[in-house]
N, C-alpha and C. Protein backbone atom coordinates (compact mmCIF):
# COMPACT_ATOMS: atom_id res chain seq x y z
N UNK A 1 -24.72 -16.41 -1.61
CA UNK A 1 -23.70 -15.95 -0.71
C UNK A 1 -22.58 -15.28 -1.51
N UNK A 2 -22.11 -14.15 -1.01
CA UNK A 2 -21.04 -13.42 -1.70
C UNK A 2 -19.70 -14.08 -1.46
N UNK A 3 -18.82 -13.88 -2.42
CA UNK A 3 -17.47 -14.40 -2.34
C UNK A 3 -16.51 -13.23 -2.52
N UNK A 4 -15.41 -13.25 -1.82
CA UNK A 4 -14.44 -12.17 -1.92
C UNK A 4 -13.31 -12.54 -2.87
N UNK A 5 -12.83 -11.50 -3.56
CA UNK A 5 -11.76 -11.64 -4.54
C UNK A 5 -10.75 -10.53 -4.34
N UNK A 6 -9.52 -10.78 -4.78
CA UNK A 6 -8.53 -9.71 -4.87
C UNK A 6 -8.19 -9.56 -6.34
N UNK A 7 -8.07 -8.30 -6.77
CA UNK A 7 -7.74 -7.99 -8.15
C UNK A 7 -6.51 -7.10 -8.14
N UNK A 8 -5.56 -7.40 -9.00
CA UNK A 8 -4.44 -6.50 -9.25
C UNK A 8 -4.47 -6.12 -10.71
N UNK A 9 -4.14 -4.87 -10.98
CA UNK A 9 -4.09 -4.39 -12.36
C UNK A 9 -2.91 -3.44 -12.48
N UNK A 10 -2.15 -3.61 -13.55
CA UNK A 10 -0.98 -2.78 -13.81
C UNK A 10 -0.99 -2.35 -15.26
N UNK A 11 -0.63 -1.09 -15.48
CA UNK A 11 -0.54 -0.60 -16.85
C UNK A 11 -0.06 0.83 -16.90
N UNK A 12 0.24 1.29 -18.10
CA UNK A 12 0.71 2.66 -18.26
C UNK A 12 -0.38 3.61 -17.78
N UNK A 13 0.03 4.61 -17.00
CA UNK A 13 -0.93 5.57 -16.44
C UNK A 13 -1.60 6.36 -17.55
N UNK A 14 -2.92 6.50 -17.42
CA UNK A 14 -3.72 7.32 -18.34
C UNK A 14 -5.07 7.55 -17.67
N UNK A 15 -5.76 8.60 -18.04
CA UNK A 15 -7.08 8.85 -17.46
C UNK A 15 -8.05 7.71 -17.77
N UNK A 16 -8.90 7.39 -16.80
CA UNK A 16 -9.97 6.43 -17.03
C UNK A 16 -9.74 5.02 -16.53
N UNK A 17 -8.55 4.70 -16.05
CA UNK A 17 -8.28 3.33 -15.61
C UNK A 17 -9.18 2.94 -14.44
N UNK A 18 -9.25 3.79 -13.44
CA UNK A 18 -10.08 3.49 -12.26
C UNK A 18 -11.54 3.36 -12.68
N UNK A 19 -12.02 4.25 -13.53
CA UNK A 19 -13.41 4.20 -13.98
C UNK A 19 -13.70 2.90 -14.73
N UNK A 20 -12.79 2.48 -15.60
CA UNK A 20 -13.02 1.25 -16.37
C UNK A 20 -13.08 0.01 -15.48
N UNK A 21 -12.12 -0.09 -14.55
CA UNK A 21 -12.08 -1.26 -13.67
C UNK A 21 -13.31 -1.29 -12.77
N UNK A 22 -13.64 -0.17 -12.17
CA UNK A 22 -14.79 -0.16 -11.23
C UNK A 22 -16.12 -0.28 -11.97
N UNK A 23 -16.19 0.13 -13.23
CA UNK A 23 -17.41 -0.05 -14.01
C UNK A 23 -17.73 -1.53 -14.18
N UNK A 24 -16.71 -2.33 -14.49
CA UNK A 24 -16.92 -3.77 -14.64
C UNK A 24 -17.46 -4.35 -13.32
N UNK A 25 -16.85 -3.97 -12.22
CA UNK A 25 -17.32 -4.47 -10.92
C UNK A 25 -18.76 -4.07 -10.66
N UNK A 26 -19.09 -2.81 -10.92
CA UNK A 26 -20.45 -2.31 -10.72
C UNK A 26 -21.46 -3.07 -11.57
N UNK A 27 -21.13 -3.24 -12.85
CA UNK A 27 -22.06 -3.92 -13.76
C UNK A 27 -22.28 -5.38 -13.39
N UNK A 28 -21.31 -6.00 -12.71
CA UNK A 28 -21.47 -7.39 -12.30
C UNK A 28 -22.12 -7.52 -10.92
N UNK A 29 -22.46 -6.40 -10.30
CA UNK A 29 -23.09 -6.43 -8.99
C UNK A 29 -22.10 -6.64 -7.85
N UNK A 30 -20.84 -6.29 -8.09
CA UNK A 30 -19.81 -6.47 -7.08
C UNK A 30 -19.72 -5.22 -6.19
N UNK A 31 -19.15 -5.40 -5.01
CA UNK A 31 -18.97 -4.30 -4.08
C UNK A 31 -17.48 -4.15 -3.75
N UNK A 32 -16.94 -2.96 -4.01
CA UNK A 32 -15.55 -2.66 -3.71
C UNK A 32 -15.43 -2.47 -2.20
N UNK A 33 -14.54 -3.25 -1.56
CA UNK A 33 -14.43 -3.22 -0.10
C UNK A 33 -13.16 -2.53 0.39
N UNK A 34 -12.04 -2.76 -0.27
CA UNK A 34 -10.77 -2.22 0.19
C UNK A 34 -9.89 -2.04 -1.04
N UNK A 35 -9.13 -0.94 -1.08
CA UNK A 35 -8.32 -0.74 -2.28
C UNK A 35 -7.10 0.14 -2.00
N UNK A 36 -6.13 -0.02 -2.86
CA UNK A 36 -4.97 0.87 -2.94
C UNK A 36 -4.71 1.05 -4.43
N UNK A 37 -4.71 2.29 -4.87
CA UNK A 37 -4.50 2.59 -6.28
C UNK A 37 -3.54 3.77 -6.35
N UNK A 38 -2.50 3.64 -7.17
CA UNK A 38 -1.50 4.70 -7.21
C UNK A 38 -0.71 4.68 -8.50
N UNK A 39 -0.12 5.82 -8.80
CA UNK A 39 0.79 5.91 -9.93
C UNK A 39 2.20 5.73 -9.39
N UNK A 40 2.96 4.87 -10.04
CA UNK A 40 4.37 4.65 -9.72
C UNK A 40 5.14 4.97 -11.00
N UNK A 41 5.87 6.08 -10.97
CA UNK A 41 6.52 6.60 -12.17
C UNK A 41 5.45 6.77 -13.23
N UNK A 42 5.57 6.14 -14.39
CA UNK A 42 4.56 6.27 -15.44
C UNK A 42 3.56 5.13 -15.47
N UNK A 43 3.59 4.27 -14.48
CA UNK A 43 2.68 3.11 -14.41
C UNK A 43 1.59 3.37 -13.37
N UNK A 44 0.43 2.75 -13.56
CA UNK A 44 -0.65 2.84 -12.58
C UNK A 44 -0.88 1.44 -12.03
N UNK A 45 -0.99 1.35 -10.71
CA UNK A 45 -1.17 0.05 -10.05
C UNK A 45 -2.44 0.07 -9.22
N UNK A 46 -3.18 -1.00 -9.31
CA UNK A 46 -4.41 -1.17 -8.54
C UNK A 46 -4.33 -2.49 -7.79
N UNK A 47 -4.68 -2.44 -6.52
CA UNK A 47 -4.92 -3.65 -5.73
C UNK A 47 -6.25 -3.40 -5.02
N UNK A 48 -7.17 -4.31 -5.18
CA UNK A 48 -8.44 -4.11 -4.51
C UNK A 48 -9.09 -5.43 -4.14
N UNK A 49 -9.87 -5.36 -3.08
CA UNK A 49 -10.66 -6.51 -2.65
C UNK A 49 -12.12 -6.15 -2.88
N UNK A 50 -12.84 -7.07 -3.48
CA UNK A 50 -14.26 -6.84 -3.72
C UNK A 50 -15.04 -8.11 -3.42
N UNK A 51 -16.31 -7.92 -3.12
CA UNK A 51 -17.19 -9.08 -2.95
C UNK A 51 -18.06 -9.17 -4.20
N UNK A 52 -18.32 -10.42 -4.59
CA UNK A 52 -19.09 -10.68 -5.81
C UNK A 52 -20.18 -11.68 -5.48
N UNK A 53 -21.32 -11.58 -6.17
CA UNK A 53 -22.35 -12.59 -5.97
C UNK A 53 -21.77 -14.00 -6.20
N UNK A 54 -22.18 -14.95 -5.39
CA UNK A 54 -21.65 -16.30 -5.44
C UNK A 54 -21.74 -16.98 -6.80
N UNK A 55 -22.67 -16.54 -7.62
CA UNK A 55 -22.85 -17.15 -8.94
C UNK A 55 -21.74 -16.78 -9.92
N UNK A 56 -20.96 -15.73 -9.61
CA UNK A 56 -19.89 -15.31 -10.52
C UNK A 56 -18.68 -16.22 -10.37
N UNK A 57 -18.29 -16.83 -11.48
CA UNK A 57 -17.12 -17.71 -11.48
C UNK A 57 -15.87 -16.92 -11.86
N UNK A 58 -14.72 -17.52 -11.64
CA UNK A 58 -13.48 -16.87 -12.03
C UNK A 58 -13.45 -16.67 -13.54
N UNK A 59 -13.92 -17.64 -14.29
CA UNK A 59 -13.95 -17.53 -15.74
C UNK A 59 -14.81 -16.34 -16.17
N UNK A 60 -15.98 -16.20 -15.56
CA UNK A 60 -16.87 -15.08 -15.91
C UNK A 60 -16.22 -13.74 -15.58
N UNK A 61 -15.56 -13.65 -14.41
CA UNK A 61 -14.88 -12.41 -14.04
C UNK A 61 -13.74 -12.10 -15.01
N UNK A 62 -12.96 -13.11 -15.37
CA UNK A 62 -11.85 -12.91 -16.30
C UNK A 62 -12.36 -12.44 -17.66
N UNK A 63 -13.47 -13.03 -18.12
CA UNK A 63 -14.05 -12.62 -19.39
C UNK A 63 -14.52 -11.16 -19.33
N UNK A 64 -15.10 -10.77 -18.20
CA UNK A 64 -15.60 -9.40 -18.06
C UNK A 64 -14.45 -8.38 -18.10
N UNK A 65 -13.29 -8.76 -17.60
CA UNK A 65 -12.15 -7.84 -17.58
C UNK A 65 -11.30 -7.92 -18.85
N UNK A 66 -11.55 -8.93 -19.69
CA UNK A 66 -10.74 -9.12 -20.89
C UNK A 66 -10.79 -7.90 -21.81
N UNK A 67 -11.96 -7.32 -21.99
CA UNK A 67 -12.12 -6.17 -22.89
C UNK A 67 -11.33 -4.96 -22.43
N UNK A 68 -11.44 -4.61 -21.15
CA UNK A 68 -10.71 -3.43 -20.69
C UNK A 68 -9.22 -3.72 -20.56
N UNK A 69 -8.88 -4.98 -20.36
CA UNK A 69 -7.47 -5.35 -20.27
C UNK A 69 -6.79 -5.03 -21.61
N UNK A 70 -7.45 -5.36 -22.69
CA UNK A 70 -6.90 -5.09 -24.02
C UNK A 70 -6.98 -3.60 -24.35
N UNK A 71 -8.13 -2.98 -24.08
CA UNK A 71 -8.34 -1.58 -24.42
C UNK A 71 -7.39 -0.65 -23.66
N UNK A 72 -7.25 -0.86 -22.37
CA UNK A 72 -6.41 0.02 -21.55
C UNK A 72 -4.99 -0.54 -21.39
N UNK A 73 -4.71 -1.65 -22.06
CA UNK A 73 -3.40 -2.31 -21.96
C UNK A 73 -3.01 -2.54 -20.50
N UNK A 74 -3.91 -3.21 -19.79
CA UNK A 74 -3.69 -3.54 -18.38
C UNK A 74 -3.40 -5.02 -18.23
N UNK A 75 -2.54 -5.35 -17.31
CA UNK A 75 -2.33 -6.74 -16.91
C UNK A 75 -3.16 -6.92 -15.65
N UNK A 76 -4.17 -7.78 -15.74
CA UNK A 76 -5.11 -7.96 -14.63
C UNK A 76 -5.01 -9.39 -14.12
N UNK A 77 -5.00 -9.51 -12.80
CA UNK A 77 -4.96 -10.81 -12.15
C UNK A 77 -6.06 -10.87 -11.10
N UNK A 78 -6.80 -11.97 -11.08
CA UNK A 78 -7.87 -12.19 -10.11
C UNK A 78 -7.56 -13.42 -9.27
N UNK A 79 -7.85 -13.32 -7.98
CA UNK A 79 -7.64 -14.46 -7.10
C UNK A 79 -8.79 -14.53 -6.10
N UNK A 80 -9.45 -15.69 -5.99
CA UNK A 80 -10.49 -15.82 -4.96
C UNK A 80 -9.84 -15.89 -3.58
N UNK A 81 -10.52 -15.34 -2.59
CA UNK A 81 -10.00 -15.32 -1.24
C UNK A 81 -10.87 -16.16 -0.30
N UNK A 82 -10.22 -16.80 0.64
CA UNK A 82 -10.96 -17.52 1.68
C UNK A 82 -11.30 -16.54 2.79
N UNK A 83 -12.19 -16.93 3.67
CA UNK A 83 -12.58 -16.07 4.78
C UNK A 83 -11.36 -15.70 5.63
N UNK A 84 -10.49 -16.67 5.89
CA UNK A 84 -9.32 -16.38 6.73
C UNK A 84 -8.36 -15.40 6.04
N UNK A 85 -8.32 -15.41 4.72
CA UNK A 85 -7.44 -14.49 4.00
C UNK A 85 -7.94 -13.05 4.02
N UNK A 86 -9.21 -12.85 4.31
CA UNK A 86 -9.76 -11.49 4.31
C UNK A 86 -10.08 -11.00 5.72
N UNK A 87 -9.67 -11.74 6.72
CA UNK A 87 -9.88 -11.32 8.10
C UNK A 87 -8.55 -10.86 8.67
N UNK A 88 -8.36 -9.53 8.74
CA UNK A 88 -7.07 -9.06 9.24
C UNK A 88 -6.89 -9.41 10.72
N UNK A 89 -5.66 -9.76 11.06
CA UNK A 89 -5.32 -10.07 12.44
C UNK A 89 -4.57 -8.86 12.99
N UNK A 90 -5.16 -8.21 13.97
CA UNK A 90 -4.50 -7.04 14.55
C UNK A 90 -3.39 -7.51 15.48
N UNK A 91 -2.20 -6.99 15.24
CA UNK A 91 -1.02 -7.43 15.98
C UNK A 91 -0.46 -6.34 16.89
N UNK A 92 -1.29 -5.41 17.29
CA UNK A 92 -0.81 -4.35 18.18
C UNK A 92 -1.52 -3.05 17.95
N UNK A 93 -0.98 -2.00 18.55
CA UNK A 93 -1.56 -0.67 18.43
C UNK A 93 -1.08 0.01 17.16
N UNK A 94 -1.98 0.75 16.50
CA UNK A 94 -1.59 1.40 15.24
C UNK A 94 -0.76 2.66 15.48
N UNK A 95 0.31 2.79 14.70
CA UNK A 95 1.17 3.97 14.73
C UNK A 95 1.49 4.38 13.30
N UNK A 96 1.84 5.65 13.14
CA UNK A 96 2.29 6.18 11.86
C UNK A 96 3.75 6.58 12.00
N UNK A 97 4.55 6.22 11.02
CA UNK A 97 5.97 6.58 11.00
C UNK A 97 6.23 7.31 9.68
N UNK A 98 6.89 8.47 9.77
CA UNK A 98 7.31 9.15 8.55
C UNK A 98 8.82 9.29 8.58
N UNK A 99 9.41 9.10 7.41
CA UNK A 99 10.85 9.20 7.24
C UNK A 99 11.06 10.18 6.09
N UNK A 100 11.95 11.18 6.31
CA UNK A 100 12.15 12.22 5.31
C UNK A 100 13.60 12.64 5.29
N UNK A 101 14.17 12.75 4.09
CA UNK A 101 15.54 13.23 3.99
C UNK A 101 16.10 13.01 2.61
N UNK A 102 17.41 13.22 2.49
CA UNK A 102 18.09 13.04 1.22
C UNK A 102 17.97 11.58 0.79
N UNK A 103 17.70 11.38 -0.49
CA UNK A 103 17.56 10.03 -1.02
C UNK A 103 18.91 9.32 -1.02
N UNK A 104 18.88 8.06 -0.63
CA UNK A 104 20.07 7.20 -0.69
C UNK A 104 19.58 5.76 -0.66
N UNK A 105 20.36 4.85 -1.21
CA UNK A 105 19.98 3.44 -1.19
C UNK A 105 19.87 2.92 0.25
N UNK A 106 18.89 2.05 0.48
CA UNK A 106 18.81 1.34 1.75
C UNK A 106 17.85 1.90 2.77
N UNK A 107 17.21 3.03 2.51
CA UNK A 107 16.31 3.62 3.51
C UNK A 107 15.16 2.66 3.83
N UNK A 108 14.47 2.19 2.82
CA UNK A 108 13.32 1.30 3.05
C UNK A 108 13.79 0.01 3.72
N UNK A 109 14.87 -0.56 3.21
CA UNK A 109 15.37 -1.80 3.80
C UNK A 109 15.73 -1.60 5.27
N UNK A 110 16.50 -0.58 5.57
CA UNK A 110 17.00 -0.41 6.94
C UNK A 110 15.86 -0.17 7.93
N UNK A 111 14.87 0.64 7.54
CA UNK A 111 13.74 0.91 8.43
C UNK A 111 12.87 -0.34 8.57
N UNK A 112 12.54 -0.99 7.45
CA UNK A 112 11.67 -2.17 7.52
C UNK A 112 12.37 -3.33 8.23
N UNK A 113 13.67 -3.45 8.07
CA UNK A 113 14.42 -4.50 8.76
C UNK A 113 14.40 -4.27 10.28
N UNK A 114 14.59 -3.03 10.70
CA UNK A 114 14.51 -2.71 12.12
C UNK A 114 13.14 -3.07 12.68
N UNK A 115 12.09 -2.69 11.96
CA UNK A 115 10.73 -2.98 12.42
C UNK A 115 10.48 -4.49 12.49
N UNK A 116 10.96 -5.22 11.49
CA UNK A 116 10.79 -6.68 11.48
C UNK A 116 11.50 -7.32 12.67
N UNK A 117 12.72 -6.88 12.95
CA UNK A 117 13.46 -7.44 14.09
C UNK A 117 12.74 -7.19 15.41
N UNK A 118 12.00 -6.09 15.49
CA UNK A 118 11.25 -5.76 16.71
C UNK A 118 9.88 -6.46 16.75
N UNK A 119 9.51 -7.14 15.68
CA UNK A 119 8.21 -7.81 15.63
C UNK A 119 7.07 -6.86 15.33
N UNK A 120 7.38 -5.74 14.69
CA UNK A 120 6.37 -4.73 14.34
C UNK A 120 5.88 -5.02 12.92
N UNK A 121 4.58 -5.13 12.77
CA UNK A 121 3.96 -5.44 11.49
C UNK A 121 3.69 -4.16 10.70
N UNK A 122 4.16 -4.11 9.45
CA UNK A 122 3.86 -2.99 8.56
C UNK A 122 2.56 -3.32 7.84
N UNK A 123 1.56 -2.44 7.98
CA UNK A 123 0.28 -2.66 7.32
C UNK A 123 0.12 -1.83 6.05
N UNK A 124 0.93 -0.78 5.92
CA UNK A 124 0.88 0.04 4.71
C UNK A 124 2.18 0.82 4.61
N UNK A 125 2.70 0.94 3.42
CA UNK A 125 3.91 1.74 3.20
C UNK A 125 3.78 2.46 1.86
N UNK A 126 4.19 3.71 1.86
CA UNK A 126 4.16 4.51 0.66
C UNK A 126 5.46 5.30 0.60
N UNK A 127 6.08 5.36 -0.56
CA UNK A 127 7.32 6.10 -0.70
C UNK A 127 7.22 7.06 -1.89
N UNK A 128 8.00 8.11 -1.82
CA UNK A 128 8.05 9.07 -2.92
C UNK A 128 9.43 9.69 -2.97
N UNK A 129 9.97 9.77 -4.16
CA UNK A 129 11.29 10.38 -4.39
C UNK A 129 11.09 11.59 -5.28
N UNK A 130 11.61 12.74 -4.86
CA UNK A 130 11.53 13.93 -5.70
C UNK A 130 12.64 13.88 -6.74
N UNK A 131 12.43 14.57 -7.82
CA UNK A 131 13.46 14.65 -8.85
C UNK A 131 14.49 15.69 -8.41
N UNK A 132 15.76 15.46 -8.72
CA UNK A 132 16.79 16.43 -8.34
C UNK A 132 16.61 17.74 -9.11
N UNK A 133 16.95 18.84 -8.48
CA UNK A 133 16.87 20.15 -9.13
C UNK A 133 18.26 20.49 -9.66
N UNK A 134 18.43 20.47 -10.97
CA UNK A 134 19.72 20.78 -11.57
C UNK A 134 20.02 22.26 -11.45
N UNK A 135 18.98 23.06 -11.58
CA UNK A 135 19.17 24.51 -11.54
C UNK A 135 19.61 24.97 -10.15
N UNK A 136 19.01 24.40 -9.11
CA UNK A 136 19.35 24.81 -7.75
C UNK A 136 20.35 23.85 -7.10
N UNK A 137 20.83 22.89 -7.87
CA UNK A 137 21.82 21.91 -7.41
C UNK A 137 21.35 21.19 -6.14
N UNK A 138 20.06 20.83 -6.13
CA UNK A 138 19.50 20.08 -5.00
C UNK A 138 19.46 18.60 -5.33
N UNK A 139 19.78 17.82 -4.34
CA UNK A 139 19.71 16.37 -4.49
C UNK A 139 18.26 15.93 -4.30
N UNK A 140 17.93 14.74 -4.79
CA UNK A 140 16.56 14.24 -4.60
C UNK A 140 16.27 13.98 -3.12
N UNK A 141 15.03 14.22 -2.75
CA UNK A 141 14.56 13.94 -1.39
C UNK A 141 13.71 12.69 -1.41
N UNK A 142 13.63 12.03 -0.26
CA UNK A 142 12.89 10.79 -0.16
C UNK A 142 11.92 10.89 1.01
N UNK A 143 10.69 10.47 0.78
CA UNK A 143 9.67 10.45 1.82
C UNK A 143 9.09 9.05 1.89
N UNK A 144 9.03 8.51 3.10
CA UNK A 144 8.41 7.21 3.32
C UNK A 144 7.41 7.36 4.45
N UNK A 145 6.18 6.88 4.21
CA UNK A 145 5.13 6.89 5.22
C UNK A 145 4.74 5.44 5.49
N UNK A 146 4.73 5.07 6.76
CA UNK A 146 4.38 3.70 7.13
C UNK A 146 3.25 3.70 8.15
N UNK A 147 2.34 2.77 8.00
CA UNK A 147 1.36 2.46 9.03
C UNK A 147 1.81 1.13 9.60
N UNK A 148 1.91 1.06 10.92
CA UNK A 148 2.43 -0.15 11.56
C UNK A 148 1.57 -0.53 12.76
N UNK A 149 1.71 -1.79 13.18
CA UNK A 149 1.07 -2.28 14.40
C UNK A 149 2.18 -2.64 15.38
N UNK A 150 2.20 -1.93 16.50
CA UNK A 150 3.26 -2.10 17.49
C UNK A 150 2.75 -2.98 18.63
N UNK A 151 3.41 -4.11 18.89
CA UNK A 151 3.00 -4.99 20.00
C UNK A 151 3.03 -4.23 21.33
N UNK A 152 2.16 -4.63 22.24
CA UNK A 152 2.05 -3.95 23.53
C UNK A 152 3.33 -4.01 24.35
N UNK A 153 4.18 -5.00 24.10
CA UNK A 153 5.42 -5.13 24.86
C UNK A 153 6.44 -4.04 24.51
N UNK A 154 6.21 -3.33 23.40
CA UNK A 154 7.13 -2.27 22.97
C UNK A 154 6.53 -0.92 23.35
N UNK A 155 7.25 -0.17 24.14
CA UNK A 155 6.80 1.15 24.57
C UNK A 155 7.11 2.18 23.47
N UNK A 156 6.18 3.08 23.26
CA UNK A 156 6.30 4.08 22.19
C UNK A 156 7.57 4.92 22.35
N UNK A 157 7.89 5.31 23.56
CA UNK A 157 9.08 6.12 23.79
C UNK A 157 10.35 5.41 23.39
N UNK A 158 10.43 4.13 23.70
CA UNK A 158 11.61 3.33 23.35
C UNK A 158 11.69 3.15 21.84
N UNK A 159 10.55 2.91 21.19
CA UNK A 159 10.53 2.78 19.73
C UNK A 159 10.95 4.09 19.08
N UNK A 160 10.46 5.19 19.58
CA UNK A 160 10.81 6.50 19.03
C UNK A 160 12.32 6.71 19.13
N UNK A 161 12.90 6.37 20.25
CA UNK A 161 14.35 6.52 20.45
C UNK A 161 15.13 5.62 19.49
N UNK A 162 14.68 4.39 19.33
CA UNK A 162 15.34 3.45 18.42
C UNK A 162 15.27 3.95 16.97
N UNK A 163 14.11 4.47 16.57
CA UNK A 163 13.96 5.00 15.21
C UNK A 163 14.84 6.23 15.00
N UNK A 164 14.93 7.08 16.00
CA UNK A 164 15.77 8.29 15.88
C UNK A 164 17.26 7.93 15.76
N UNK A 165 17.67 6.89 16.46
CA UNK A 165 19.05 6.44 16.35
C UNK A 165 19.35 5.98 14.92
N UNK A 166 18.45 5.18 14.35
CA UNK A 166 18.62 4.75 12.96
C UNK A 166 18.57 5.94 12.02
N UNK A 167 17.65 6.85 12.24
CA UNK A 167 17.52 8.03 11.38
C UNK A 167 18.81 8.84 11.35
N UNK A 168 19.44 8.96 12.49
CA UNK A 168 20.70 9.71 12.56
C UNK A 168 21.76 9.04 11.69
N UNK A 169 21.83 7.71 11.74
CA UNK A 169 22.80 6.97 10.91
C UNK A 169 22.50 7.13 9.43
N UNK A 170 21.19 7.22 9.09
CA UNK A 170 20.79 7.35 7.68
C UNK A 170 20.80 8.80 7.19
N UNK A 171 20.90 9.75 8.11
CA UNK A 171 20.87 11.16 7.73
C UNK A 171 19.49 11.63 7.31
N UNK A 172 18.46 11.09 7.97
CA UNK A 172 17.08 11.46 7.65
C UNK A 172 16.37 11.88 8.94
N UNK A 173 15.17 12.41 8.79
CA UNK A 173 14.33 12.74 9.93
C UNK A 173 13.24 11.68 10.04
N UNK A 174 12.84 11.37 11.27
CA UNK A 174 11.79 10.39 11.48
C UNK A 174 10.83 10.90 12.54
N UNK A 175 9.55 10.62 12.33
CA UNK A 175 8.54 10.93 13.36
C UNK A 175 7.69 9.69 13.58
N UNK A 176 7.25 9.54 14.82
CA UNK A 176 6.39 8.43 15.23
C UNK A 176 5.20 9.04 15.94
N UNK A 177 4.00 8.61 15.57
CA UNK A 177 2.82 9.08 16.31
C UNK A 177 1.76 7.99 16.32
N UNK A 178 0.98 8.02 17.36
CA UNK A 178 -0.09 7.05 17.52
C UNK A 178 -1.17 7.31 16.47
N UNK A 179 -1.77 6.24 16.00
CA UNK A 179 -2.87 6.36 15.04
C UNK A 179 -4.17 5.85 15.66
N UNK A 180 -4.22 5.76 16.98
CA UNK A 180 -5.45 5.35 17.67
C UNK A 180 -6.52 6.40 17.39
N UNK A 181 -7.74 5.97 17.23
CA UNK A 181 -8.85 6.88 16.90
C UNK A 181 -9.00 7.98 17.95
N UNK A 182 -8.81 7.66 19.22
CA UNK A 182 -9.00 8.68 20.26
C UNK A 182 -7.87 9.70 20.27
N UNK A 183 -6.73 9.39 19.66
CA UNK A 183 -5.60 10.33 19.58
C UNK A 183 -5.78 11.24 18.38
N UNK A 184 -6.30 10.70 17.29
CA UNK A 184 -6.45 11.47 16.06
C UNK A 184 -7.57 12.46 16.25
């Protein structure tokens, strides 16, 4: 019987990190099920869930990753998952929210705090800050993309209005759209 694991890996960005990590999984007969991998400034971050043959122990997995951990200077962490930990609970209808505007402290906090107060679950968030242009005297811009689950008790129009009110206070633009398969 297969067992599920979560792996996190962090290290200085360089070519080959994804290939090295997934090669170990492939050679051990593991199957990559879900992942998020990205560069954050000069660092590369990996979070992934994989299934492994039941005979593979945590010690064996750690030993298999020890070589690439040293070679690629990665900090790797493995954690076994229970069935309940890998079964997502859907808490509403999927929506996408984008926030765009001049960078300033508090954008992520203010938007995520509003969503939390409304009982809206964030399932994915990605942010990006542009570098300021000294030549054109432009300030840095900030982009945040969120995937959320909106409870049925919250109407999309009302949520859109609430987000626009916050956006106005923050001096940013916000868009809300359904991510239901039949809408996309």
